[in-house]
Each structure stands twice: as structure tokens, then as C-alpha cells.
Amino acid sequence: MLLLQQLKNDQQAVIAALAKRNLEAAPLIEEVLALDERRRALQTELDQNSARANQLAKSIGQLFQSGKAQEAEALKSETAQLKDLNKQIQQEMDACAQSLQEKLYLLPNTPHHSVPHGKSAEDNETVFEAGRIPSLHQDAMPHWDLAKKYDLIDFELGVKIAGAGFPVYKGKGARLQRALIQFFLDFNTEAGYTEIQPPHLVNEASGYGTGQLPDKEGQMYHVGVDDLYLIPTAEVPVTNLFRDVLLAQNQLPVAYTAYTPCFRREAGSYGAHVRGLNRLHQFDKVEIVRVEHPERSYQALEEMVDHVKKILDALQLPYRILRLCGGDMGFTSALTYDFELYSTAQERWLEISSVSNFETFQANRLKLRFKDEAGKNQLCHTLNGSALALPRVLAGILENYQTPEGIRVPDVLVPYTGFDLIS
């Protein structure tokens, strides 16, 4: 959530920054500032009335002591009127504050100065490429056919049990999936991330804290009876560990990693680009989350990008890194790098990770602060990244490692799988 003070002091700068997102923010910001002005005016009126009521109470006591009961009763009548008036003012002020909060929730984060202008994914900037795109044999298949041929994933059985987008992993497919999870977690913890096992459901406050609500409400599965949400990513419960927390400066940085299943409603589109593992409603992901001092959060972002690069280098998969343009960035992000894996069988790039700096946007919602050297409370910066999302990584391994003899297993995964070939 954007800071109200930022909107007051730098209104035009915020409007210009949000224009990178192709958003005309001026009308909404004007509404926010008008609501804030009205709220402050009501607070002033309430304070003045309260001060007057205190004066009256003192005068009433003095009048009764002086035997001037009639005059005291007259002042008591004025006190009652002030009490009723203050009740009305408080109700209006509460409604105003609620409207103000709701309007602030509608404003996305301001992009970092390095974010390119653009309207869609076509305007993203490629900043890095690595890995060799293999030349596949003549009978190479996309991963959904490979999964069927080697009995690794049963998509039809998943439809029977739950519906489209809920695959069933079997045999060596399940083993390879588990191997990836363990490899990612080990890689992250060896780099200094502390492993967390968070809940897979969160309350509404947690959804608002990290910005999934109200922006992504339609994409989240809601358990109505208990008013809980299935998590779309481990970012939500892990970051919310710090909701309403005041850290000491020497506690920064904090670095956590977590494996969780993730649940997302996806747009009802069809075709090869959403086939197989390309787009799921339930999928596994290993996440990294950091809480940083504002002065080093962008250094931390680069460190996270380098960390994900090392994972993909270890898997020997071809990938590229994109700096997302303003029109393609997530609601909460100030700067995002997307990692895409090249699927040779599909001849297309598949997104497998997003690494983002949210600056103070989430911390302001979460009330996540640290006490600086001067003893003043400051908002932290939060960051997160996928390290990594499994479905498309698994798809990339199946497709890029296929041979006429079977599917080779990346060398770094063999200690986890116990086999080096799927045949």
C-alpha cells in the first residue's frame, strides 16, 4: 500500500510513476486526498468538542459547589448535545477512514525508475540468456505426451478426481517431482535461507497484508464456511509471519524458504499454451522471501536473481531473464525479473520464476517495521522469488532431456531420484 504521506508530498511524481503501468491515477489519488482532508477536519472538530465538553464538566462541578444548580443543569444539557454530536462525528469519521483505506488498496505500487515503459509482455526487456538449447531427435514429444508414454503424470485421472488443472504424479514422475522439491530446498538452505513450513490456508488479513486481496480475489480459492483462502504462493503465509512486527535493525536481513502446494484459479483459456503442466490450478513451488533494510533491498534483489540463476545452471536448462515493463508487472511489485525456461519440444519460453522487490508496499500493509539507529520506527522492504515453481521446470526437464532411449535425469537430481534415466 502506498504511503499516504507520499501521496500528499509527491502527488505528481506518483501519478507520473503509475503512468508506467498505463494507469491514470489522478482521479483516484484526488479521492484519497479529499477523504483524508475530510477525516482530518472531522478529527479536529471532534477534538474541539471534546475539549469543550471537558471545560463544561469542570464548570458544572464548580456551579454545583456554588449552589447554582439551575445554571449547572443548563450546561449539562449542552454537554449531552455535544455527546450526541460527537457520536455522529465519530461515525462519519469511521466511515471516512474505511473509505480511505479501501481507496488506498486500489492503488498499485509505483514502479522503480529502471522499469521500462510498456503495455504487455511483448514490451519486457531481455537482460540475460544462458544455457544451450538442445537439438532433439526426430520423434521428440511435448511433455504431456512424454508423461503418458512413460506413465509419469495422469492428467485424465486428475480430472476425474478434481477437474482440469489437478494432475496426478505417478511412479518416477512423483519421485522426480519430490527430488526437485528437495533439491531446491537444499540449495536454498545452503545459501543461508531458513526453511519454514507454513499453513496452506490463510485468513483475510493475511491476503490483504501481501496484496493478494483485493487485487487477486477472483484467482484465490475461498473456503466460505471458515472464511479462509488457499494460498496462491508461500509468499503469503511466510511474509505474514512478520505482520505487526517491530524488528531490531540487527535482526535484518531475514531470509526464509518454504515449499508449499499452491492453488490458483486461472483464466479459462485453451490450447497448447495451457496444456499439460503449462497452467495448473494446483502446483508445487519452493519460495524464497526476504525482509531487508531499505538501503540494501536492491542489492538483495540482485543476490536473489543470481541465486535462481545458479539453480538453473545446476539443472543445465536453457533460460532467460526479463525485466518486466510497467504494463506487465504485478500489482504489488516495484521491480520484477521473470525467469523463462525454453521448452524445445514446444518451441516456446515458459515462465518459471518471478523475483520481485516490493519496497515498503507490503510492509506498509503489514505494519512491518524496524527500529533504526536513531530509535525511530521505519518500514522494512520485502522481497520474494520462486526458487523454483515446479510444473514448468519439470516440463522443461522432460522435454529438453528426452533422448531416443528415454529421458535423462539432470546430474544434480540423480542423488535424490536414485535413477538417471526414465525409460
Protein backbone atom coordinates (compact mmCIF):
# COMPACT_ATOMS: atom_id res chain seq x y z
CA MET A 1 0.00 0.00 0.00
CA LEU A 2 1.34 3.41 -0.92
CA LEU A 3 2.14 5.74 1.93
CA LEU A 4 -0.45 8.46 2.43
CA GLN A 5 2.31 10.95 3.16
CA GLN A 6 3.91 10.09 -0.17
CA LEU A 7 0.67 10.92 -1.96
CA LYS A 8 0.44 14.24 -0.14
CA ASN A 9 4.04 15.30 -0.69
CA ASP A 10 4.72 13.84 -4.15
CA GLN A 11 1.32 13.64 -5.81
CA GLN A 12 2.52 14.45 -9.32
CA ALA A 13 5.53 12.15 -9.03
CA VAL A 14 3.28 9.25 -8.00
CA ILE A 15 0.87 9.97 -10.86
CA ALA A 16 3.78 10.01 -13.33
CA ALA A 17 5.20 6.77 -11.91
CA LEU A 18 1.86 4.96 -12.10
CA ALA A 19 1.52 6.10 -15.71
CA LYS A 20 4.23 3.50 -16.42
CA ARG A 21 1.57 0.96 -15.52
CA ASN A 22 -0.75 2.60 -18.06
CA LEU A 23 -2.88 3.78 -15.14
CA GLU A 24 -4.48 7.21 -14.97
CA ALA A 25 -4.20 7.51 -11.20
CA ALA A 26 -5.00 11.21 -10.73
CA PRO A 27 -8.78 10.83 -10.08
CA LEU A 28 -8.28 8.06 -7.51
CA ILE A 29 -5.46 9.92 -5.76
CA GLU A 30 -7.62 13.06 -5.60
CA GLU A 31 -10.39 11.00 -3.97
CA VAL A 32 -7.88 9.64 -1.46
CA LEU A 33 -6.59 13.08 -0.56
CA ALA A 34 -10.13 14.51 -0.28
CA LEU A 35 -11.12 11.70 2.07
CA ASP A 36 -8.01 12.28 4.15
CA GLU A 37 -8.72 16.00 4.35
CA ARG A 38 -12.31 15.35 5.42
CA ARG A 39 -11.16 12.80 8.01
CA ARG A 40 -8.67 15.26 9.49
CA ALA A 41 -11.31 18.02 9.58
CA LEU A 42 -13.68 15.70 11.43
CA GLN A 43 -10.91 14.78 13.87
CA THR A 44 -10.28 18.47 14.55
CA GLU A 45 -13.99 19.05 15.18
CA LEU A 46 -14.13 16.02 17.46
CA ASP A 47 -11.11 17.23 19.44
CA GLN A 48 -12.59 20.71 19.81
CA ASN A 49 -15.90 19.31 21.02
CA SER A 50 -14.12 17.02 23.48
CA ALA A 51 -12.14 19.96 24.84
CA ARG A 52 -15.38 21.95 25.20
CA ALA A 53 -17.03 19.02 27.00
CA ASN A 54 -14.12 18.86 29.46
CA GLN A 55 -14.45 22.58 30.16
CA LEU A 56 -18.18 22.17 30.71
CA ALA A 57 -17.66 19.27 33.10
CA LYS A 58 -15.30 21.39 35.17
CA SER A 59 -17.72 24.33 35.15
CA ILE A 60 -20.67 22.11 36.10
CA GLY A 61 -18.81 20.85 39.15
CA GLN A 62 -17.94 24.37 40.23
CA LEU A 63 -21.54 25.57 39.76
CA PHE A 64 -22.95 22.74 41.86
CA GLN A 65 -20.44 23.50 44.58
CA SER A 66 -21.56 27.14 44.48
CA GLY A 67 -25.21 26.18 44.78
CA LYS A 68 -26.06 27.26 41.23
CA ALA A 69 -27.87 24.07 40.31
CA GLN A 70 -30.08 25.66 37.62
CA GLU A 71 -27.08 27.02 35.71
CA ALA A 72 -25.32 23.68 36.10
CA GLU A 73 -28.29 21.83 34.64
CA ALA A 74 -28.25 24.13 31.62
CA LEU A 75 -24.61 23.26 30.98
CA LYS A 76 -25.40 19.57 31.43
CA SER A 77 -27.90 19.91 28.59
CA GLU A 78 -25.17 21.38 26.37
CA THR A 79 -22.87 18.52 27.39
CA ALA A 80 -25.50 15.97 26.30
CA GLN A 81 -25.84 17.72 22.95
CA LEU A 82 -22.07 17.64 22.46
CA LYS A 83 -22.04 13.93 23.30
CA ASP A 84 -24.68 13.20 20.65
CA LEU A 85 -22.85 15.38 18.12
CA ASN A 86 -19.53 13.65 18.81
CA LYS A 87 -21.16 10.28 18.29
CA GLN A 88 -22.34 11.39 14.84
CA ILE A 89 -18.91 12.84 14.02
CA GLN A 90 -17.17 9.63 15.11
CA GLN A 91 -19.46 7.54 12.91
CA GLU A 92 -18.78 9.78 9.92
CA MET A 93 -15.06 9.75 10.66
CA ASP A 94 -15.00 5.93 10.87
CA ALA A 95 -16.84 5.66 7.56
CA CYS A 96 -14.44 8.16 6.02
CA ALA A 97 -11.40 6.23 7.30
CA GLN A 98 -12.85 2.99 5.93
CA SER A 99 -13.43 4.55 2.51
CA LEU A 100 -9.92 5.99 2.58
CA GLN A 101 -8.43 2.56 3.31
CA GLU A 102 -10.46 0.93 0.54
CA LYS A 103 -9.30 3.56 -1.98
CA LEU A 104 -5.66 3.13 -0.93
CA TYR A 105 -5.98 -0.62 -1.51
CA LEU A 106 -6.85 0.09 -5.14
CA LEU A 107 -3.58 1.87 -5.89
CA PRO A 108 -0.74 -0.39 -7.12
CA ASN A 109 2.89 0.07 -6.22
CA THR A 110 4.93 2.72 -8.00
CA PRO A 111 7.47 1.18 -10.41
CA HIS A 112 11.21 1.54 -9.84
CA HIS A 113 12.91 4.05 -12.16
CA SER A 114 14.52 1.17 -14.13
CA VAL A 115 11.17 -0.37 -15.08
CA PRO A 116 10.65 0.06 -18.84
CA HIS A 117 7.52 1.58 -20.30
CA GLY A 118 5.22 -0.91 -21.98
CA LYS A 119 1.71 -2.31 -22.13
CA SER A 120 2.19 -6.08 -22.21
CA ALA A 121 4.66 -8.97 -22.13
CA GLU A 122 5.84 -8.04 -25.61
CA ASP A 123 7.43 -4.92 -24.12
CA ASN A 124 9.51 -6.72 -21.46
CA GLU A 125 13.29 -6.41 -21.72
CA THR A 126 15.53 -9.46 -22.01
CA VAL A 127 18.52 -8.78 -19.75
CA PHE A 128 20.24 -12.18 -19.69
CA GLU A 129 20.30 -15.54 -21.50
CA ALA A 130 22.15 -18.72 -20.63
CA GLY A 131 22.23 -22.41 -21.43
CA ARG A 132 22.31 -24.40 -24.62
CA ILE A 133 19.07 -25.17 -26.43
CA PRO A 134 19.37 -28.86 -27.33
CA SER A 135 18.68 -30.34 -30.74
CA LEU A 136 16.07 -33.01 -30.19
CA HIS A 137 15.67 -36.23 -32.13
CA GLN A 138 13.07 -36.52 -34.89
CA ASP A 139 10.40 -38.17 -32.75
CA ALA A 140 10.66 -35.71 -29.81
CA MET A 141 7.41 -35.05 -27.94
CA PRO A 142 5.92 -32.35 -25.73
CA HIS A 143 5.85 -33.20 -22.05
CA TRP A 144 2.18 -34.22 -21.93
CA ASP A 145 2.88 -37.00 -24.45
CA LEU A 146 6.08 -37.99 -22.66
CA ALA A 147 4.18 -38.15 -19.35
CA LYS A 148 1.69 -40.55 -20.93
CA LYS A 149 4.32 -42.64 -22.72
CA TYR A 150 6.37 -43.24 -19.56
CA ASP A 151 3.37 -43.24 -17.16
CA LEU A 152 4.69 -40.27 -15.16
CA ILE A 153 1.65 -37.99 -14.88
CA ASP A 154 -2.02 -38.83 -15.34
CA PHE A 155 -3.93 -35.72 -16.35
CA GLU A 156 -7.20 -37.56 -17.05
CA LEU A 157 -7.23 -39.16 -13.61
CA GLY A 158 -6.78 -35.71 -12.08
CA VAL A 159 -9.83 -34.51 -14.00
CA LYS A 160 -11.83 -37.43 -12.58
CA ILE A 161 -10.82 -36.64 -9.02
CA ALA A 162 -10.93 -32.83 -9.02
CA GLY A 163 -11.10 -31.32 -12.50
CA ALA A 164 -8.75 -29.91 -15.12
CA GLY A 165 -5.52 -28.47 -13.72
CA PHE A 166 -5.09 -31.05 -10.93
CA PRO A 167 -2.62 -33.67 -12.27
CA VAL A 168 -1.75 -36.97 -10.59
CA TYR A 169 2.00 -37.69 -10.48
CA LYS A 170 2.91 -41.38 -10.59
CA GLY A 171 5.97 -43.58 -10.12
CA LYS A 172 9.13 -41.96 -11.40
CA GLY A 173 7.15 -38.80 -12.18
CA ALA A 174 6.26 -38.43 -8.48
CA ARG A 175 9.84 -39.30 -7.50
CA LEU A 176 11.25 -36.67 -9.87
CA GLN A 177 8.81 -34.10 -8.51
CA ARG A 178 9.88 -34.87 -4.94
CA ALA A 179 13.53 -34.75 -5.97
CA LEU A 180 13.12 -31.25 -7.37
CA ILE A 181 11.46 -30.03 -4.17
CA GLN A 182 14.25 -31.43 -2.02
CA PHE A 183 16.97 -30.13 -4.33
CA PHE A 184 15.50 -26.62 -4.32
CA LEU A 185 15.14 -26.58 -0.53
CA ASP A 186 18.67 -27.88 0.00
CA PHE A 187 20.07 -25.34 -2.45
CA ASN A 188 18.23 -22.51 -0.68
CA THR A 189 19.16 -23.53 2.86
CA GLU A 190 22.82 -23.96 1.88
CA ALA A 191 22.69 -20.34 0.66
CA GLY A 192 21.52 -19.16 4.09
CA TYR A 193 17.72 -19.30 3.82
CA THR A 194 15.95 -20.74 6.86
CA GLU A 195 13.35 -23.36 5.97
CA ILE A 196 9.76 -22.71 7.06
CA GLN A 197 6.71 -24.98 6.89
CA PRO A 198 3.76 -22.54 6.89
CA PRO A 199 0.00 -23.13 6.82
CA HIS A 200 -1.57 -23.73 3.41
CA LEU A 201 -4.60 -21.63 4.25
CA VAL A 202 -4.62 -18.00 5.36
CA ASN A 203 -7.14 -15.56 6.74
CA GLU A 204 -8.36 -12.41 5.02
CA ALA A 205 -5.92 -10.17 6.90
CA SER A 206 -3.01 -12.19 5.50
CA GLY A 207 -4.34 -11.82 1.97
CA TYR A 208 -4.58 -8.05 2.40
CA GLY A 209 -1.16 -7.94 4.06
CA THR A 210 0.73 -9.15 1.00
CA GLY A 211 -1.58 -7.59 -1.59
CA GLN A 212 -3.42 -10.62 -2.98
CA LEU A 213 -6.61 -9.04 -1.67
CA PRO A 214 -8.50 -7.28 -3.03
CA ASP A 215 -6.47 -7.41 -6.28
CA LYS A 216 -6.42 -11.19 -6.84
CA GLU A 217 -9.59 -12.20 -5.02
CA GLY A 218 -11.06 -13.88 -8.11
CA GLN A 219 -7.95 -16.04 -8.52
CA MET A 220 -7.93 -17.37 -4.95
CA TYR A 221 -9.86 -20.40 -3.70
CA HIS A 222 -12.07 -19.37 -0.78
CA VAL A 223 -13.27 -21.70 1.96
CA GLY A 224 -16.53 -19.97 2.74
CA VAL A 225 -17.53 -21.68 5.99
CA ASP A 226 -14.25 -20.79 7.69
CA ASP A 227 -13.55 -17.61 5.69
CA LEU A 228 -10.06 -18.83 4.77
CA TYR A 229 -8.15 -18.76 1.49
CA LEU A 230 -5.99 -21.48 -0.04
CA ILE A 231 -2.58 -19.95 -0.61
CA PRO A 232 -1.57 -18.95 -4.17
CA THR A 233 2.09 -18.99 -3.09
CA ALA A 234 4.14 -19.50 0.07
CA GLU A 235 4.94 -15.78 -0.11
CA VAL A 236 1.60 -15.08 1.59
CA PRO A 237 1.95 -17.07 4.85
CA VAL A 238 5.73 -16.61 5.12
CA THR A 239 5.65 -12.82 4.70
CA ASN A 240 2.72 -12.62 7.11
CA LEU A 241 4.89 -14.12 9.82
CA PHE A 242 6.05 -10.51 10.17
CA ARG A 243 2.64 -8.80 10.25
CA ASP A 244 2.54 -6.25 13.10
CA VAL A 245 6.19 -6.99 13.95
CA LEU A 246 8.85 -4.48 15.01
CA LEU A 247 12.34 -5.79 14.31
CA ALA A 248 15.62 -4.58 15.71
CA GLN A 249 17.92 -3.29 12.99
CA ASN A 250 20.46 -6.02 13.78
CA GLN A 251 17.80 -8.66 13.00
CA LEU A 252 17.91 -7.66 9.33
CA PRO A 253 18.10 -9.23 6.85
CA VAL A 254 15.70 -12.13 7.33
CA ALA A 255 15.79 -14.87 4.68
CA TYR A 256 13.27 -17.73 4.59
CA THR A 257 12.47 -20.52 2.15
CA ALA A 258 9.37 -22.70 2.06
CA TYR A 259 7.87 -25.48 -0.01
CA THR A 260 4.09 -25.50 -0.36
CA PRO A 261 1.42 -26.60 -2.76
CA CYS A 262 -0.15 -23.55 -4.38
CA PHE A 263 -3.72 -23.04 -5.53
CA ARG A 264 -4.86 -20.59 -8.20
CA ARG A 265 -7.91 -20.19 -10.34
CA GLU A 266 -6.63 -19.49 -13.85
CA ALA A 267 -8.39 -17.87 -16.78
CA GLY A 268 -10.44 -20.39 -18.76
CA SER A 269 -8.33 -20.42 -21.92
CA TYR A 270 -7.50 -23.38 -24.10
CA GLY A 271 -4.80 -24.56 -26.49
CA ALA A 272 -1.24 -25.86 -26.32
CA HIS A 273 -0.02 -22.93 -24.20
CA VAL A 274 -2.14 -24.13 -21.26
CA ARG A 275 -1.83 -27.86 -21.94
CA GLY A 276 -0.29 -30.38 -19.58
CA LEU A 277 1.81 -28.72 -16.89
CA ASN A 278 1.83 -25.32 -18.56
CA ARG A 279 -1.01 -23.99 -16.40
CA LEU A 280 -2.45 -25.66 -13.33
CA HIS A 281 -4.88 -24.92 -10.52
CA GLN A 282 -2.74 -26.84 -8.01
CA PHE A 283 1.03 -26.92 -8.27
CA ASP A 284 4.13 -27.16 -6.10
CA LYS A 285 6.58 -24.33 -5.58
CA VAL A 286 9.58 -23.53 -3.43
CA GLU A 287 9.69 -19.86 -2.45
CA ILE A 288 12.34 -17.53 -1.08
CA VAL A 289 11.31 -14.49 0.99
CA ARG A 290 13.49 -11.72 2.37
CA VAL A 291 12.91 -8.82 4.76
CA GLU A 292 15.56 -6.15 4.20
CA HIS A 293 16.80 -2.76 5.29
CA PRO A 294 15.62 -0.23 2.66
CA GLU A 295 19.21 0.77 1.86
CA ARG A 296 20.18 -2.70 0.65
CA SER A 297 16.98 -4.17 -0.77
CA TYR A 298 18.06 -3.73 -4.39
CA GLN A 299 21.38 -5.40 -3.67
CA ALA A 300 19.33 -8.22 -2.12
CA LEU A 301 17.20 -8.39 -5.27
CA GLU A 302 20.31 -8.91 -7.41
CA GLU A 303 21.51 -11.58 -4.99
CA MET A 304 18.17 -13.39 -5.33
CA VAL A 305 18.37 -13.21 -9.12
CA ASP A 306 21.90 -14.65 -9.02
CA HIS A 307 20.68 -17.41 -6.69
CA VAL A 308 17.93 -18.52 -9.10
CA LYS A 309 20.44 -18.39 -11.97
CA LYS A 310 22.67 -20.82 -10.09
CA ILE A 311 19.79 -23.27 -9.65
CA LEU A 312 19.05 -23.27 -13.38
CA ASP A 313 22.74 -23.51 -14.23
CA ALA A 314 22.96 -26.57 -11.98
CA LEU A 315 20.00 -28.13 -13.81
CA GLN A 316 21.68 -27.24 -17.13
CA LEU A 317 18.49 -25.83 -18.59
CA PRO A 318 18.33 -23.02 -21.17
CA TYR A 319 16.76 -19.87 -19.70
CA ARG A 320 16.47 -16.12 -20.00
CA ILE A 321 15.75 -13.27 -17.60
CA LEU A 322 13.30 -10.47 -18.38
CA ARG A 323 12.87 -7.12 -16.68
CA LEU A 324 9.11 -6.65 -16.70
CA CYS A 325 7.65 -3.49 -18.17
CA GLY A 326 5.15 -1.35 -16.26
CA GLY A 327 2.15 -2.89 -18.01
CA ASP A 328 3.14 -6.48 -17.16
CA MET A 329 4.23 -6.09 -13.53
CA GLY A 330 2.31 -7.44 -10.58
CA PHE A 331 0.16 -5.09 -8.52
CA THR A 332 2.47 -5.07 -5.50
CA SER A 333 5.87 -5.02 -7.21
CA ALA A 334 8.27 -2.12 -7.66
CA LEU A 335 10.62 -4.15 -9.87
CA THR A 336 10.28 -7.73 -11.14
CA TYR A 337 12.60 -10.06 -13.02
CA ASP A 338 10.95 -13.04 -14.68
CA PHE A 339 12.86 -16.22 -15.46
CA GLU A 340 11.74 -18.16 -18.51
CA LEU A 341 12.78 -21.69 -19.46
CA TYR A 342 13.00 -22.68 -23.12
CA SER A 343 10.86 -25.66 -24.00
CA THR A 344 12.47 -27.17 -27.07
CA ALA A 345 9.60 -29.55 -27.79
CA GLN A 346 7.03 -26.74 -27.61
CA GLU A 347 9.40 -24.18 -29.16
CA ARG A 348 8.41 -21.52 -26.67
CA TRP A 349 9.50 -19.85 -23.44
CA LEU A 350 7.80 -20.86 -20.19
CA GLU A 351 7.80 -18.63 -17.11
CA ILE A 352 9.25 -20.49 -14.12
CA SER A 353 10.10 -17.74 -11.61
CA SER A 354 9.42 -14.15 -10.68
CA VAL A 355 11.80 -12.33 -8.36
CA SER A 356 10.45 -9.03 -7.03
CA ASN A 357 11.19 -6.14 -4.71
CA PHE A 358 8.06 -4.66 -3.14
CA GLU A 359 9.93 -1.91 -1.29
CA THR A 360 7.60 -0.68 1.51
CA PHE A 361 4.35 -1.59 -0.29
CA GLN A 362 3.69 -4.85 1.60
CA ALA A 363 5.39 -3.66 4.78
CA ASN A 364 3.01 -0.69 5.00
CA ARG A 365 0.02 -3.05 4.80
CA LEU A 366 1.64 -5.47 7.24
CA LYS A 367 2.87 -2.77 9.64
CA LEU A 368 6.26 -4.47 9.39
CA ARG A 369 8.90 -2.12 10.80
CA PHE A 370 12.38 -1.98 12.25
CA LYS A 371 13.89 0.41 14.77
CA ASP A 372 16.76 2.37 13.21
CA GLU A 373 19.93 3.61 14.91
CA ALA A 374 18.16 6.80 16.00
CA GLY A 375 15.43 4.74 17.68
CA LYS A 376 12.84 5.66 15.04
CA ASN A 377 10.48 3.08 13.58
CA GLN A 378 10.94 2.61 9.83
CA LEU A 379 9.16 0.39 7.31
CA CYS A 380 11.13 -2.62 6.07
CA HIS A 381 11.43 -3.67 2.44
CA THR A 382 10.09 -7.11 1.44
CA LEU A 383 11.17 -9.29 -1.48
CA ASN A 384 10.23 -12.71 -2.78
CA GLY A 385 11.01 -15.10 -5.59
CA SER A 386 10.24 -18.56 -6.89
CA ALA A 387 13.17 -20.91 -6.41
CA LEU A 388 11.51 -22.57 -8.22
CA ALA A 389 7.96 -23.25 -9.48
CA LEU A 390 7.93 -26.96 -10.28
CA PRO A 391 5.44 -27.70 -13.08
CA ARG A 392 7.19 -25.93 -15.92
CA VAL A 393 10.65 -26.86 -14.64
CA LEU A 394 9.52 -30.49 -14.71
CA ALA A 395 8.07 -29.94 -18.19
CA GLY A 396 11.37 -28.43 -19.32
CA ILE A 397 13.36 -31.36 -17.95
CA LEU A 398 11.11 -33.93 -19.62
CA GLU A 399 11.27 -32.15 -22.97
CA ASN A 400 14.87 -30.94 -23.05
CA TYR A 401 16.38 -34.12 -21.60
CA GLN A 402 14.50 -36.58 -23.81
CA THR A 403 16.50 -38.96 -25.98
CA PRO A 404 15.55 -41.93 -28.20
CA GLU A 405 16.45 -44.18 -25.23
CA GLY A 406 14.39 -42.30 -22.68
CA ILE A 407 14.51 -39.18 -20.51
CA ARG A 408 17.82 -38.47 -18.83
CA VAL A 409 17.75 -37.08 -15.30
CA PRO A 410 19.89 -33.97 -14.63
CA ASP A 411 23.05 -34.99 -12.81
CA VAL A 412 22.29 -32.88 -9.72
CA LEU A 413 18.98 -34.71 -9.25
CA VAL A 414 20.27 -38.28 -9.53
CA PRO A 415 21.25 -38.46 -5.80
CA TYR A 416 17.63 -37.52 -4.99
CA THR A 417 15.86 -39.76 -7.53
CA GLY A 418 18.07 -42.84 -7.31
CA PHE A 419 17.87 -43.27 -11.09
CA ASP A 420 19.42 -41.45 -14.04
CA LEU A 421 17.09 -42.47 -16.85
CA ILE A 422 13.34 -42.75 -17.32
CA SER A 423 12.63 -45.42 -19.92
